[in-house]
Structure formats: C-alpha cells, structure tokens
Amino acid sequence: EIIHLLTDQNPVQVVVDAIINSGPREDSTRVGGAGVVRRQAVDMSPFRRVNYALYLIATGAREASFRNLKTMAECLAEELINA
C-alpha cells in the first residue's frame, strides 16, 4: 500500500524492477593453490542474482530503520522505490 500511495504504480512491478536493478552481474572468487590466492571475476547465476538482490534490499532497509523514527515497512518501501 505504501508503494502504491507514493508512486501510483503497481507494487508488484516496483518490486520486480527493484530486484532486476539491484542484482549484481559479476562476483569474484578465489582462484589458486599452494598458498597463492588471486581474485577472479566470474559471472553470477540468475538465481544467485535474485537471492543477493533480496539480501541487499532487506539489509539496506534494516539498517535504514535502525535508530530511526521510520518503521521497517516505510524503509523497505523506500528501498524498493529507490532501487
């Protein structure tokens, strides 16, 4: 309801767009052996992108609502709109 009141858009579409925009496309992994470790850029799978995007949105909303007068729902709606 908060998203619809603020944007006059379909809230489900706002959530889908936020997940698409906030999912990272690349990640880094550790490559090497015998004590030599390098960071190698790798592509992320679509499932991991969605999971990581949800994690980033939830973490951002939780940190924004910490020691704040805004409720968690208001901060989550703001994160989704701004993503």
C-alpha atoms as a PDB file:
ATOM      1  CA  GLU A   1       0.000   0.000   0.000  1.00  0.00           C
ATOM      2  CA  ILE A   2       2.843   2.398   0.825  1.00  0.00           C
ATOM      3  CA  ILE A   3       4.452   1.894  -2.595  1.00  0.00           C
ATOM      4  CA  HIS A   4       1.141   2.474  -4.376  1.00  0.00           C
ATOM      5  CA  LEU A   5       0.475   5.643  -2.389  1.00  0.00           C
ATOM      6  CA  LEU A   6       3.937   7.073  -3.076  1.00  0.00           C
ATOM      7  CA  THR A   7       4.314   6.155  -6.751  1.00  0.00           C
ATOM      8  CA  ASP A   8       0.825   5.383  -8.132  1.00  0.00           C
ATOM      9  CA  GLN A   9       2.322   2.267  -9.758  1.00  0.00           C
ATOM     10  CA  ASN A  10       1.669  -1.439  -9.393  1.00  0.00           C
ATOM     11  CA  PRO A  11       3.584  -2.502  -6.237  1.00  0.00           C
ATOM     12  CA  VAL A  12       4.442  -5.923  -7.685  1.00  0.00           C
ATOM     13  CA  GLN A  13       6.029  -4.302 -10.732  1.00  0.00           C
ATOM     14  CA  VAL A  14       8.030  -1.967  -8.465  1.00  0.00           C
ATOM     15  CA  VAL A  15       9.375  -4.982  -6.524  1.00  0.00           C
ATOM     16  CA  VAL A  16      10.300  -6.830  -9.736  1.00  0.00           C
ATOM     17  CA  ASP A  17      12.089  -3.774 -11.135  1.00  0.00           C
ATOM     18  CA  ALA A  18      13.964  -3.277  -7.856  1.00  0.00           C
ATOM     19  CA  ILE A  19      15.179  -6.891  -7.862  1.00  0.00           C
ATOM     20  CA  ILE A  20      16.277  -6.631 -11.502  1.00  0.00           C
ATOM     21  CA  ASN A  21      18.152  -3.357 -10.919  1.00  0.00           C
ATOM     22  CA  SER A  22      19.862  -4.286  -7.654  1.00  0.00           C
ATOM     23  CA  GLY A  23      21.165  -7.737  -8.573  1.00  0.00           C
ATOM     24  CA  PRO A  24      24.915  -7.778  -9.251  1.00  0.00           C
ATOM     25  CA  ARG A  25      26.031  -9.232 -12.577  1.00  0.00           C
ATOM     26  CA  GLU A  26      29.568 -10.218 -11.558  1.00  0.00           C
ATOM     27  CA  ASP A  27      31.195 -11.637  -8.478  1.00  0.00           C
ATOM     28  CA  SER A  28      34.740 -12.534  -7.532  1.00  0.00           C
ATOM     29  CA  THR A  29      36.014 -15.911  -6.434  1.00  0.00           C
ATOM     30  CA  ARG A  30      39.285 -17.178  -5.031  1.00  0.00           C
ATOM     31  CA  VAL A  31      41.481 -18.965  -7.541  1.00  0.00           C
ATOM     32  CA  GLY A  32      44.833 -20.574  -6.902  1.00  0.00           C
ATOM     33  CA  GLY A  33      46.594 -23.189  -4.865  1.00  0.00           C
ATOM     34  CA  ALA A  34      49.700 -23.768  -2.772  1.00  0.00           C
ATOM     35  CA  GLY A  35      49.238 -20.543  -0.820  1.00  0.00           C
ATOM     36  CA  VAL A  36      48.899 -18.248  -3.825  1.00  0.00           C
ATOM     37  CA  VAL A  37      45.403 -16.782  -3.894  1.00  0.00           C
ATOM     38  CA  ARG A  38      44.071 -14.489  -6.610  1.00  0.00           C
ATOM     39  CA  ARG A  39      40.630 -12.954  -7.044  1.00  0.00           C
ATOM     40  CA  GLN A  40      38.986 -13.878 -10.344  1.00  0.00           C
ATOM     41  CA  ALA A  41      35.905 -12.128 -11.787  1.00  0.00           C
ATOM     42  CA  VAL A  42      33.082 -14.546 -12.613  1.00  0.00           C
ATOM     43  CA  ASP A  43      29.521 -14.170 -13.848  1.00  0.00           C
ATOM     44  CA  MET A  44      26.692 -14.791 -11.380  1.00  0.00           C
ATOM     45  CA  SER A  45      23.868 -17.215 -11.988  1.00  0.00           C
ATOM     46  CA  PRO A  46      20.365 -15.696 -12.273  1.00  0.00           C
ATOM     47  CA  PHE A  47      19.154 -17.477  -9.130  1.00  0.00           C
ATOM     48  CA  ARG A  48      22.061 -16.133  -7.085  1.00  0.00           C
ATOM     49  CA  ARG A  49      21.460 -12.623  -8.512  1.00  0.00           C
ATOM     50  CA  VAL A  50      17.850 -12.685  -7.282  1.00  0.00           C
ATOM     51  CA  ASN A  51      18.823 -14.023  -3.856  1.00  0.00           C
ATOM     52  CA  TYR A  52      21.619 -11.492  -3.443  1.00  0.00           C
ATOM     53  CA  ALA A  53      19.376  -8.632  -4.583  1.00  0.00           C
ATOM     54  CA  LEU A  54      16.778  -9.585  -1.955  1.00  0.00           C
ATOM     55  CA  TYR A  55      19.536  -9.768   0.660  1.00  0.00           C
ATOM     56  CA  LEU A  56      20.869  -6.313  -0.274  1.00  0.00           C
ATOM     57  CA  ILE A  57      17.392  -4.720  -0.229  1.00  0.00           C
ATOM     58  CA  ALA A  58      16.485  -6.271   3.129  1.00  0.00           C
ATOM     59  CA  THR A  59      19.825  -5.334   4.684  1.00  0.00           C
ATOM     60  CA  GLY A  60      19.557  -1.755   3.437  1.00  0.00           C
ATOM     61  CA  ALA A  61      16.031  -1.383   4.791  1.00  0.00           C
ATOM     62  CA  ARG A  62      17.013  -2.884   8.147  1.00  0.00           C
ATOM     63  CA  GLU A  63      19.998  -0.554   8.520  1.00  0.00           C
ATOM     64  CA  ALA A  64      17.908   2.451   7.460  1.00  0.00           C
ATOM     65  CA  SER A  65      15.233   1.732  10.079  1.00  0.00           C
ATOM     66  CA  PHE A  66      17.726   1.155  12.894  1.00  0.00           C
ATOM     67  CA  ARG A  67      17.575   4.014  15.442  1.00  0.00           C
ATOM     68  CA  ASN A  68      15.120   5.878  13.247  1.00  0.00           C
ATOM     69  CA  LEU A  69      11.547   7.050  13.644  1.00  0.00           C
ATOM     70  CA  LYS A  70      10.503   5.398  10.365  1.00  0.00           C
ATOM     71  CA  THR A  71       9.021   1.935  10.554  1.00  0.00           C
ATOM     72  CA  MET A  72      10.587  -1.053   8.825  1.00  0.00           C
ATOM     73  CA  ALA A  73       7.749  -1.099   6.283  1.00  0.00           C
ATOM     74  CA  GLU A  74       8.350   2.530   5.338  1.00  0.00           C
ATOM     75  CA  CYS A  75      12.093   1.969   4.956  1.00  0.00           C
ATOM     76  CA  LEU A  76      11.538  -1.173   2.870  1.00  0.00           C
ATOM     77  CA  ALA A  77       9.117   0.668   0.591  1.00  0.00           C
ATOM     78  CA  GLU A  78      11.660   3.470   0.191  1.00  0.00           C
ATOM     79  CA  GLU A  79      14.424   0.993  -0.680  1.00  0.00           C
ATOM     80  CA  LEU A  80      12.247  -0.676  -3.298  1.00  0.00           C
ATOM     81  CA  ILE A  81      11.234   2.616  -4.876  1.00  0.00           C
ATOM     82  CA  ASN A  82      14.801   3.953  -4.982  1.00  0.00           C
ATOM     83  CA  ALA A  83      16.352   0.741  -6.369  1.00  0.00           C
END
